């Protein structure tokens, strides 16, 4: 097979269409698809249709397009800048194409590349920013797939940010000489405080931040994002989390965050593992706090990557407080918490109409105290309980709940490595739960879900907990 040419047969350009006529000829779905595409522009859109289908007629009326209800005639395309032949009739499309070329107008005939002067790209619209993806008509589906990926990467606020940048362009050119200083300012503008303010919907705040950046001679300040990495599967990372990882100078990550998720960040970003896994703490929380403050004060863009959701047993409260006290800018990006991933692995309803309408998140460690915690009372009244990091305290959880009155027959679902390909699922009852404690074969994070709603789960791909009975150690037998 010969190597494909690297030369483009169709050169991409952006054609000015503001206030100029663009004509679409056709009655049905093909004409409607082109009209919708062109409706994203400021062109004067004319649809020529002698028997317009209801959907096309309705769209034209709702979107300000001019509908010319007449049979095609060359005079109807005269003076236009572009013509689209979308009739679905090969002979008519060919006639339209020949007429347009004779009149010196560029023409596109839908699904007829041999009649086209240009191809319509798949478009990511962040006006005034636009990204166009074309395959010279060879693979429209491929172009749409690429468009979807790019669309996911670019925040919806990017168009507003580009427009805001345009309003600061004269001031920036006067203040910063051409070259590195000006590039540095615009880099800080598009990735710093103005961009962050617009992402959360604050146009006024973004303008203030841009003015401050000018006053500070373009020296952007540091920023820390406390980001939820989700339960482990990289495709469960949120779009915002992915964008921040791609922008980060430094990624400070926990031990439970998989390399595949960390690898979604910039390749040249500094990566700092901070551990905090049971029995293996590489840094204390106070050391992590100090590290985040130092990096922020150095002007770095930092992603503090936490397993699951940063606000659920992630100690984000302490990190937010120390950043707030230090005057370092920060934000929180939620992630898919492990309880939700475990429930999805089991197709398990965490709330179930007529059965339970409340839910409890806990680590189970507070069962070590002398009194029954409030969440245990909620479990007895019917709430679904999700126990994080629960393998080592499984016997305590089960014993205390049963002592408090929860039925030993209450359904239980357990997932190791929720959301990942190597996950393992187990099911049983509260009476079976202590068997987890002696399972040395479970090396990954374990999530346990307890409650009547668990009975609605799909157990077809899980192992029964009862197959591995809990055998207490001599010390535990003595304490009993």
Protein backbone atom coordinates (compact mmCIF):
# COMPACT_ATOMS: atom_id res chain seq x y z
CA UNK A 1 0.00 0.00 0.00
CA UNK A 2 1.46 3.36 -1.03
CA UNK A 3 2.00 6.11 1.50
CA UNK A 4 -0.79 8.75 1.48
CA UNK A 5 0.17 12.22 0.31
CA UNK A 6 0.73 14.84 3.00
CA UNK A 7 -0.49 17.55 0.62
CA UNK A 8 -3.98 18.96 1.19
CA UNK A 9 -6.27 18.84 -1.83
CA UNK A 10 -8.64 21.27 -0.10
CA UNK A 11 -6.98 24.18 1.69
CA UNK A 12 -8.86 25.31 4.83
CA UNK A 13 -9.84 28.99 4.99
CA UNK A 14 -12.34 31.07 6.95
CA UNK A 15 -14.60 32.97 4.55
CA UNK A 16 -16.21 36.23 5.68
CA UNK A 17 -19.99 35.84 5.34
CA UNK A 18 -21.34 38.56 7.64
CA UNK A 19 -24.35 40.17 5.93
CA UNK A 20 -23.72 38.29 2.67
CA UNK A 21 -26.16 35.86 1.04
CA UNK A 22 -25.70 32.12 1.29
CA UNK A 23 -28.23 29.97 -0.57
CA UNK A 24 -29.35 26.43 0.27
CA UNK A 25 -31.47 24.65 -2.35
CA UNK A 26 -33.57 21.70 -1.18
CA UNK A 27 -36.76 20.61 0.57
CA UNK A 28 -35.82 17.96 3.14
CA UNK A 29 -33.34 16.68 5.71
CA UNK A 30 -30.19 17.44 3.70
CA UNK A 31 -31.22 21.06 3.24
CA UNK A 32 -32.19 21.34 6.91
CA UNK A 33 -28.80 19.98 8.04
CA UNK A 34 -26.96 22.57 5.94
CA UNK A 35 -29.30 25.35 7.09
CA UNK A 36 -28.62 24.48 10.73
CA UNK A 37 -24.88 24.54 10.10
CA UNK A 38 -25.07 27.93 8.39
CA UNK A 39 -27.41 29.20 11.10
CA UNK A 40 -24.34 29.39 13.34
CA UNK A 41 -23.01 32.21 11.14
CA UNK A 42 -24.08 35.82 10.60
CA UNK A 43 -24.72 35.21 6.88
CA UNK A 44 -28.04 36.19 5.26
CA UNK A 45 -29.42 32.68 4.80
CA UNK A 46 -31.80 31.96 1.92
CA UNK A 47 -33.50 28.56 1.56
CA UNK A 48 -34.95 27.80 -1.88
CA UNK A 49 -37.61 25.09 -1.56
CA UNK A 50 -40.58 24.47 -3.84
CA UNK A 51 -42.07 21.90 -1.42
CA UNK A 52 -40.43 22.50 1.95
CA UNK A 53 -40.94 19.73 4.49
CA UNK A 54 -42.54 20.84 7.79
CA UNK A 55 -39.30 20.60 9.82
CA UNK A 56 -37.41 22.80 7.33
CA UNK A 57 -40.26 25.32 7.16
CA UNK A 58 -40.45 25.47 10.97
CA UNK A 59 -36.69 25.88 11.39
CA UNK A 60 -36.55 28.70 8.83
CA UNK A 61 -39.35 30.56 10.60
CA UNK A 62 -37.79 30.17 14.05
CA UNK A 63 -34.25 31.13 13.00
CA UNK A 64 -34.77 34.11 10.69
CA UNK A 65 -33.88 32.37 7.44
CA UNK A 66 -35.58 33.61 4.25
CA UNK A 67 -37.68 30.82 2.73
CA UNK A 68 -38.20 31.21 -1.02
CA UNK A 69 -41.01 28.86 -2.03
CA UNK A 70 -40.28 28.44 -5.71
CA UNK A 71 -38.76 25.97 -8.12
CA UNK A 72 -35.00 26.40 -8.53
CA UNK A 73 -33.88 29.02 -11.03
CA UNK A 74 -30.32 30.34 -11.53
CA UNK A 75 -31.50 33.87 -10.78
CA UNK A 76 -32.18 32.78 -7.18
CA UNK A 77 -28.47 32.23 -6.44
CA UNK A 78 -27.09 35.33 -8.20
CA UNK A 79 -25.11 37.60 -5.91
CA UNK A 80 -24.60 34.98 -3.21
CA UNK A 81 -21.18 34.12 -1.79
CA UNK A 82 -21.86 30.38 -1.36
CA UNK A 83 -24.39 27.92 -2.74
CA UNK A 84 -25.37 24.54 -1.30
CA UNK A 85 -27.08 22.02 -3.57
CA UNK A 86 -29.06 19.83 -1.17
CA UNK A 87 -32.01 18.68 -3.26
CA UNK A 88 -31.27 14.96 -3.12
CA UNK A 89 -31.78 14.84 -6.90
CA UNK A 90 -28.51 14.19 -8.76
CA UNK A 91 -29.56 15.92 -11.98
CA UNK A 92 -30.80 19.03 -10.16
CA UNK A 93 -27.73 19.16 -7.91
CA UNK A 94 -25.51 18.98 -11.01
CA UNK A 95 -27.46 21.79 -12.66
CA UNK A 96 -27.15 23.96 -9.52
CA UNK A 97 -23.42 23.26 -9.36
CA UNK A 98 -22.89 24.17 -13.03
CA UNK A 99 -24.95 27.37 -12.68
CA UNK A 100 -23.02 28.46 -9.57
CA UNK A 101 -19.65 27.93 -11.24
CA UNK A 102 -20.80 29.83 -14.34
CA UNK A 103 -21.77 32.73 -12.03
CA UNK A 104 -18.41 32.55 -10.20
CA UNK A 105 -19.92 31.29 -6.93
CA UNK A 106 -18.33 28.50 -4.86
CA UNK A 107 -20.68 25.53 -4.58
CA UNK A 108 -21.10 22.48 -2.36
CA UNK A 109 -23.29 19.55 -3.45
CA UNK A 110 -24.26 17.31 -0.52
CA UNK A 111 -22.71 13.81 -0.81
CA UNK A 112 -21.50 14.54 -4.34
CA UNK A 113 -17.80 15.40 -3.96
CA UNK A 114 -17.21 15.50 -7.71
CA UNK A 115 -19.59 18.51 -7.89
CA UNK A 116 -18.03 20.40 -4.96
CA UNK A 117 -15.71 23.42 -5.00
CA UNK A 118 -15.43 23.18 -1.20
CA UNK A 119 -16.36 20.81 1.62
CA UNK A 120 -18.25 21.75 4.75
CA UNK A 121 -16.23 20.91 7.86
CA UNK A 122 -17.39 19.65 11.21
CA UNK A 123 -17.34 22.78 13.40
CA UNK A 124 -16.62 23.43 17.06
CA UNK A 125 -18.26 26.80 17.65
CA UNK A 126 -16.88 29.04 20.39
CA UNK A 127 -17.50 32.27 18.47
CA UNK A 128 -15.43 34.22 17.68
CA UNK A 129 -13.19 31.15 18.04
CA UNK A 130 -14.00 28.32 15.64
CA UNK A 131 -12.33 24.98 14.98
CA UNK A 132 -13.10 23.34 11.64
CA UNK A 133 -12.35 19.66 10.94
CA UNK A 134 -12.39 18.35 7.39
CA UNK A 135 -11.51 15.12 5.59
CA UNK A 136 -11.99 16.36 1.99
CA UNK A 137 -15.24 14.44 1.96
CA UNK A 138 -13.49 11.11 2.63
CA UNK A 139 -14.77 10.50 6.16
CA UNK A 140 -17.58 12.71 7.51
CA UNK A 141 -18.15 10.33 10.44
CA UNK A 142 -14.45 10.55 11.35
CA UNK A 143 -14.66 14.35 11.25
CA UNK A 144 -17.63 14.27 13.64
CA UNK A 145 -15.74 11.95 16.02
CA UNK A 146 -12.77 14.34 16.08
CA UNK A 147 -15.13 17.29 16.54
CA UNK A 148 -16.68 15.61 19.59
CA UNK A 149 -13.25 15.16 21.18
CA UNK A 150 -12.22 18.76 20.57
CA UNK A 151 -15.61 20.03 21.75
CA UNK A 152 -15.09 18.19 25.04
CA UNK A 153 -11.66 19.78 25.50
CA UNK A 154 -12.73 23.39 25.03
CA UNK A 155 -14.74 25.09 27.80
CA UNK A 156 -18.04 26.68 26.74
CA UNK A 157 -16.79 30.05 28.03
CA UNK A 158 -13.89 30.16 25.54
CA UNK A 159 -15.76 32.34 23.06
CA UNK A 160 -16.52 34.95 25.72
CA UNK A 161 -12.87 34.82 26.77
CA UNK A 162 -11.73 35.45 23.18
CA UNK A 163 -14.13 38.41 22.91
CA UNK A 164 -12.87 39.77 26.24
CA UNK A 165 -9.29 39.42 25.02
CA UNK A 166 -10.13 41.48 21.96
CA UNK A 167 -11.30 44.35 24.17
CA UNK A 168 -7.92 44.32 26.00
CA UNK A 169 -5.77 43.96 22.88
CA UNK A 170 -4.94 47.66 22.40
CA UNK A 171 -4.00 48.10 26.07
CA UNK A 172 -1.80 45.01 26.01
CA UNK A 173 -0.01 46.10 22.85
CA UNK A 174 0.76 49.51 24.36
CA UNK A 175 1.98 48.05 27.67
CA UNK A 176 3.97 45.00 26.51
CA UNK A 177 6.60 45.01 23.76
CA UNK A 178 6.16 42.50 21.00
CA UNK A 179 7.74 39.16 21.84
CA UNK A 180 8.08 37.16 25.05
CA UNK A 181 6.51 39.75 27.38
CA UNK A 182 3.36 40.04 25.29
CA UNK A 183 3.09 36.26 24.80
CA UNK A 184 3.48 35.75 28.54
CA UNK A 185 0.67 38.18 29.25
CA UNK A 186 -1.71 36.45 26.85
CA UNK A 187 -0.75 33.03 28.21
CA UNK A 188 -1.62 34.23 31.72
CA UNK A 189 -4.83 35.80 30.37
CA UNK A 190 -6.10 32.66 28.63
CA UNK A 191 -5.07 30.19 31.34
CA UNK A 192 -5.22 32.30 34.51
CA UNK A 193 -7.68 34.32 36.57
CA UNK A 194 -9.75 35.82 33.69
CA UNK A 195 -10.35 32.36 32.22
CA UNK A 196 -11.24 30.88 35.61
CA UNK A 197 -13.71 33.68 36.34
CA UNK A 198 -15.52 33.13 33.04
CA UNK A 199 -15.69 29.36 33.55
CA UNK A 200 -17.92 29.91 36.56
CA UNK A 201 -19.99 32.49 34.69
CA UNK A 202 -18.62 35.79 35.98
CA UNK A 203 -18.04 38.16 33.06
CA UNK A 204 -17.64 41.19 35.35
CA UNK A 205 -15.21 39.27 37.57
CA UNK A 206 -13.26 38.18 34.48
CA UNK A 207 -12.92 41.80 33.31
CA UNK A 208 -11.71 42.83 36.78
CA UNK A 209 -9.20 39.96 36.78
CA UNK A 210 -7.95 40.96 33.33
CA UNK A 211 -7.50 44.57 34.49
CA UNK A 212 -5.58 43.34 37.52
CA UNK A 213 -3.36 41.21 35.27
CA UNK A 214 -2.53 44.28 33.21
CA UNK A 215 -1.72 46.28 36.36
CA UNK A 216 0.55 43.45 37.56
CA UNK A 217 2.51 43.65 34.30
CA UNK A 218 1.23 40.24 33.19
CA UNK A 219 2.64 38.32 36.13
CA UNK A 220 -0.11 35.76 36.72
CA UNK A 221 -0.67 34.46 40.24
CA UNK A 222 -0.69 30.81 41.21
CA UNK A 223 -3.84 28.75 41.46
CA UNK A 224 -4.68 25.39 43.05
CA UNK A 225 -7.50 23.17 41.80
CA UNK A 226 -8.67 20.44 44.18
CA UNK A 227 -9.78 17.92 41.58
CA UNK A 228 -11.73 14.70 41.98
CA UNK A 229 -10.05 11.95 39.96
CA UNK A 230 -13.09 9.72 40.23
CA UNK A 231 -13.01 6.06 41.26
CA UNK A 232 -10.21 5.06 38.89
CA UNK A 233 -11.49 4.67 35.33
CA UNK A 234 -10.00 7.51 33.28
CA UNK A 235 -13.16 7.96 31.19
CA UNK A 236 -15.09 8.87 34.36
CA UNK A 237 -12.93 11.98 34.79
CA UNK A 238 -14.99 15.15 34.25
CA UNK A 239 -14.30 17.39 31.25
CA UNK A 240 -13.28 20.25 33.54
CA UNK A 241 -10.87 18.00 35.44
CA UNK A 242 -9.28 16.91 32.15
CA UNK A 243 -8.87 20.52 30.98
CA UNK A 244 -7.21 21.52 34.25
CA UNK A 245 -4.84 18.54 34.05
CA UNK A 246 -3.85 19.64 30.54
CA UNK A 247 -3.10 23.16 31.84
CA UNK A 248 -1.33 22.22 35.09
CA UNK A 249 2.31 23.00 35.79
CA UNK A 250 2.29 20.62 38.76
CA UNK A 251 0.10 17.57 39.56
CA UNK A 252 0.05 16.64 43.25
CA UNK A 253 -1.61 13.24 43.44
CA UNK A 254 -2.68 10.63 45.97
CA UNK A 255 -1.49 7.01 45.89
CA UNK A 256 -4.91 5.64 44.92
CA UNK A 257 -5.08 7.70 41.70
CA UNK A 258 -4.17 5.37 38.79
CA UNK A 259 -1.32 6.24 36.46
CA UNK A 260 -3.77 6.25 33.54
CA UNK A 261 -5.60 9.23 35.11
CA UNK A 262 -2.40 11.08 36.04
CA UNK A 263 -1.20 10.49 32.48
CA UNK A 264 -4.08 12.57 31.13
CA UNK A 265 -2.21 15.67 32.28
CA UNK A 266 0.41 17.65 30.38
CA UNK A 267 3.40 15.48 29.60
CA UNK A 268 5.82 18.13 30.86
CA UNK A 269 3.92 18.79 34.10
CA UNK A 270 5.80 18.05 37.31
CA UNK A 271 4.22 15.11 39.13
CA UNK A 272 4.45 14.91 42.91
CA UNK A 273 3.11 11.78 44.66
CA UNK A 274 2.01 12.47 48.21
CA UNK A 275 0.96 8.94 49.18
CA UNK A 276 -1.51 8.77 52.05
CA UNK A 277 -2.42 5.11 51.63
CA UNK A 278 -3.11 2.87 54.59
CA UNK A 279 0.18 1.87 56.21
CA UNK A 280 2.21 3.94 53.74
CA UNK A 281 2.00 7.71 54.32
CA UNK A 282 4.69 9.40 52.23
CA UNK A 283 3.67 12.89 53.46
CA UNK A 284 1.69 14.16 56.41
CA UNK A 285 -1.36 16.32 55.79
CA UNK A 286 0.45 19.38 57.15
CA UNK A 287 3.31 18.76 54.70
CA UNK A 288 0.82 18.52 51.82
CA UNK A 289 -0.84 21.76 52.97
CA UNK A 290 2.53 23.54 53.06
CA UNK A 291 3.43 22.18 49.60
CA UNK A 292 0.22 23.49 48.03
CA UNK A 293 0.72 26.94 49.54
CA UNK A 294 4.34 27.09 48.38
CA UNK A 295 3.51 26.05 44.82
CA UNK A 296 0.63 28.53 44.64
CA UNK A 297 2.83 31.37 45.89
CA UNK A 298 5.41 30.48 43.25
CA UNK A 299 2.79 31.26 40.61
CA UNK A 300 2.27 27.63 39.58
CA UNK A 301 -0.97 26.20 38.22
CA UNK A 302 -1.49 23.21 40.49
CA UNK A 303 -3.90 20.28 40.31
CA UNK A 304 -4.31 18.52 43.64
CA UNK A 305 -5.63 15.21 42.33
CA UNK A 306 -7.68 13.20 44.82
CA UNK A 307 -9.31 9.82 44.40
CA UNK A 308 -13.10 9.96 44.06
CA UNK A 309 -14.55 13.31 45.08
CA UNK A 310 -12.31 15.74 47.02
CA UNK A 311 -15.14 16.68 49.40
CA UNK A 312 -15.94 13.08 50.42
CA UNK A 313 -13.32 11.80 52.92
CA UNK A 314 -10.63 13.63 50.94
CA UNK A 315 -9.56 16.10 53.66
CA UNK A 316 -10.22 18.91 51.21
CA UNK A 317 -11.62 21.01 54.05
CA UNK A 318 -8.16 21.33 55.63
CA UNK A 319 -6.50 22.13 52.31
CA UNK A 320 -9.12 24.74 51.40
CA UNK A 321 -8.72 26.41 54.78
CA UNK A 322 -4.93 26.65 54.59
CA UNK A 323 -5.09 28.00 51.00
CA UNK A 324 -7.74 30.52 52.06
CA UNK A 325 -5.62 31.64 55.03
CA UNK A 326 -2.55 31.98 52.78
CA UNK A 327 -4.43 34.03 50.18
CA UNK A 328 -3.81 31.47 47.42
CA UNK A 329 -6.51 31.23 44.75
CA UNK A 330 -8.22 27.83 44.58
CA UNK A 331 -11.25 26.00 43.23
CA UNK A 332 -12.89 22.61 43.75
CA UNK A 333 -13.79 20.28 40.88
CA UNK A 334 -16.10 17.44 41.91
CA UNK A 335 -15.45 13.84 40.91
CA UNK A 336 -17.45 10.62 40.77
CA UNK A 337 -17.24 9.26 44.30
CA UNK A 338 -16.56 5.53 44.78
CA UNK A 339 -20.00 4.80 46.23
CA UNK A 340 -21.63 5.84 42.95
CA UNK A 341 -19.15 3.80 40.91
CA UNK A 342 -19.71 0.72 43.10
CA UNK A 343 -23.48 1.10 42.75
CA UNK A 344 -23.11 1.39 38.97
CA UNK A 345 -20.98 -1.77 38.89
CA UNK A 346 -23.84 -3.62 40.58
CA UNK A 347 -26.63 -1.73 38.72
CA UNK A 348 -27.76 -1.01 42.26
CA UNK A 349 -30.32 1.70 43.12
CA UNK A 350 -28.96 3.67 46.08
CA UNK A 351 -32.45 5.02 46.69
CA UNK A 352 -35.52 3.03 45.80
CA UNK A 353 -39.08 4.31 45.69
CA UNK A 354 -41.07 2.89 48.58
CA UNK A 355 -37.98 1.28 50.15
CA UNK A 356 -35.43 3.98 51.02
CA UNK A 357 -35.08 7.69 50.30
CA UNK A 358 -31.87 8.53 52.19
CA UNK A 359 -28.20 7.63 52.07
CA UNK A 360 -25.19 7.71 54.40
CA UNK A 361 -21.49 7.99 53.50
CA UNK A 362 -19.12 6.77 56.23
CA UNK A 363 -15.68 5.21 56.75
CA UNK A 364 -16.97 2.97 59.50
CA UNK A 365 -14.08 3.92 61.78
CA UNK A 366 -16.35 5.90 64.08
CA UNK A 367 -17.91 2.60 65.19
CA UNK A 368 -14.85 2.18 67.42
CA UNK A 369 -16.37 4.62 69.93
CA UNK A 370 -18.53 3.68 72.86
CA UNK A 371 -21.81 5.06 71.53
CA UNK A 372 -23.67 4.25 68.36
CA UNK A 373 -23.16 7.04 65.77
CA UNK A 374 -26.18 8.79 64.30
CA UNK A 375 -25.66 7.24 60.88
CA UNK A 376 -26.11 3.76 62.35
CA UNK A 377 -29.50 4.83 63.66
CA UNK A 378 -30.35 6.02 60.14
CA UNK A 379 -29.33 2.62 58.75
CA UNK A 380 -31.70 0.90 61.14
CA UNK A 381 -34.49 3.21 59.96
CA UNK A 382 -33.91 2.18 56.33
CA UNK A 383 -31.14 4.40 54.87
CA UNK A 384 -28.62 2.95 52.41
CA UNK A 385 -25.12 3.00 53.96
CA UNK A 386 -21.94 3.27 51.84
CA UNK A 387 -18.83 2.33 53.83
CA UNK A 388 -15.51 3.61 52.41
CA UNK A 389 -12.24 1.78 53.12
CA UNK A 390 -14.31 -0.78 54.94
CA UNK A 391 -12.48 -4.13 54.65
CA UNK A 392 -10.49 -3.91 57.88
CA UNK A 393 -13.50 -2.79 59.93
CA UNK A 394 -16.07 -5.08 58.29
CA UNK A 395 -16.58 -7.20 61.39
CA UNK A 396 -16.98 -4.10 63.59
CA UNK A 397 -19.50 -2.57 61.17
CA UNK A 398 -21.56 -5.76 60.96
CA UNK A 399 -21.41 -6.55 64.66
CA UNK A 400 -22.33 -3.09 65.90
CA UNK A 401 -25.18 -2.71 63.41
CA UNK A 402 -26.66 -6.10 64.28
CA UNK A 403 -26.27 -5.35 68.02
CA UNK A 404 -28.16 -2.12 67.43
CA UNK A 405 -31.04 -3.95 65.80
CA UNK A 406 -30.33 -4.07 62.04
CA UNK A 407 -31.40 -7.44 60.66
CA UNK A 408 -28.59 -9.93 59.90
CA UNK A 409 -30.43 -10.61 56.62
CA UNK A 410 -29.99 -7.02 55.37
CA UNK A 411 -28.51 -7.11 51.84
CA UNK A 412 -24.85 -6.19 51.32
CA UNK A 413 -22.85 -5.47 48.13
CA UNK A 414 -19.05 -5.17 48.08
CA UNK A 415 -16.79 -3.95 45.24
CA UNK A 416 -13.01 -3.98 45.08
CA UNK A 417 -11.54 -1.53 42.52
CA UNK A 418 -14.90 -0.02 41.58
CA UNK A 419 -15.19 1.10 37.92
CA UNK A 420 -11.95 -0.59 36.82
CA UNK A 421 -11.60 -3.58 34.50
CA UNK A 422 -10.11 -5.67 37.34
CA UNK A 423 -12.97 -4.97 39.76
CA UNK A 424 -14.34 -7.80 41.89
CA UNK A 425 -17.91 -7.93 43.15
CA UNK A 426 -19.31 -9.79 46.15
CA UNK A 427 -22.79 -10.03 47.61
CA UNK A 428 -24.43 -11.40 50.71
CA UNK A 429 -26.01 -10.28 53.95
CA UNK A 430 -24.89 -8.29 56.96
CA UNK A 431 -24.16 -11.59 58.71
CA UNK A 432 -21.70 -12.48 55.90
CA UNK A 433 -19.84 -9.16 56.01
CA UNK A 434 -17.19 -10.12 58.63
CA UNK A 435 -15.65 -12.51 56.06
CA UNK A 436 -14.13 -9.47 54.36
CA UNK A 437 -11.79 -8.87 57.24
CA UNK A 438 -9.75 -12.02 56.59
CA UNK A 439 -9.66 -11.59 52.78
CA UNK A 440 -5.94 -10.99 52.19
CA UNK A 441 -6.56 -11.38 48.44
CA UNK A 442 -8.30 -7.99 48.34
CA UNK A 443 -5.49 -5.51 47.74
CA UNK A 444 -7.47 -2.69 46.10
CA UNK A 445 -9.81 -0.14 47.68
CA UNK A 446 -13.03 -1.75 48.90
CA UNK A 447 -16.49 -0.15 48.97
CA UNK A 448 -19.34 -1.75 50.94
CA UNK A 449 -23.00 -0.84 50.46
CA UNK A 450 -25.58 -1.96 53.04
CA UNK A 451 -29.36 -1.61 52.99
CA UNK A 452 -32.68 -2.91 51.75
CA UNK A 453 -32.23 -1.15 48.38
CA UNK A 454 -29.22 -3.41 47.72
CA UNK A 455 -31.61 -6.30 47.14
CA UNK A 456 -32.47 -4.66 43.80
CA UNK A 457 -28.91 -5.07 42.50
CA UNK A 458 -27.72 -7.37 39.71
CA UNK A 459 -25.78 -10.18 41.41
CA UNK A 460 -25.23 -12.27 38.24
CA UNK A 461 -21.55 -11.27 38.01
CA UNK A 462 -20.65 -11.32 41.70
CA UNK A 463 -19.41 -13.93 44.17
CA UNK A 464 -21.24 -14.79 47.38
CA UNK A 465 -19.52 -13.57 50.54
CA UNK A 466 -20.65 -16.74 52.29
CA UNK A 467 -18.17 -18.75 50.19
CA UNK A 468 -15.36 -17.28 52.34
CA UNK A 469 -16.27 -17.48 56.00
CA UNK A 470 -14.65 -15.20 58.60
CA UNK A 471 -12.37 -17.06 61.01
CA UNK A 472 -11.50 -14.93 64.08
CA UNK A 473 -7.92 -14.82 65.29
CA UNK A 474 -7.09 -16.22 68.77
CA UNK A 475 -6.83 -12.63 70.07
CA UNK A 476 -10.30 -11.81 68.74
CA UNK A 477 -11.71 -15.00 70.29
CA UNK A 478 -10.18 -14.00 73.64
CA UNK A 479 -11.71 -10.51 73.43
CA UNK A 480 -15.07 -12.07 72.64
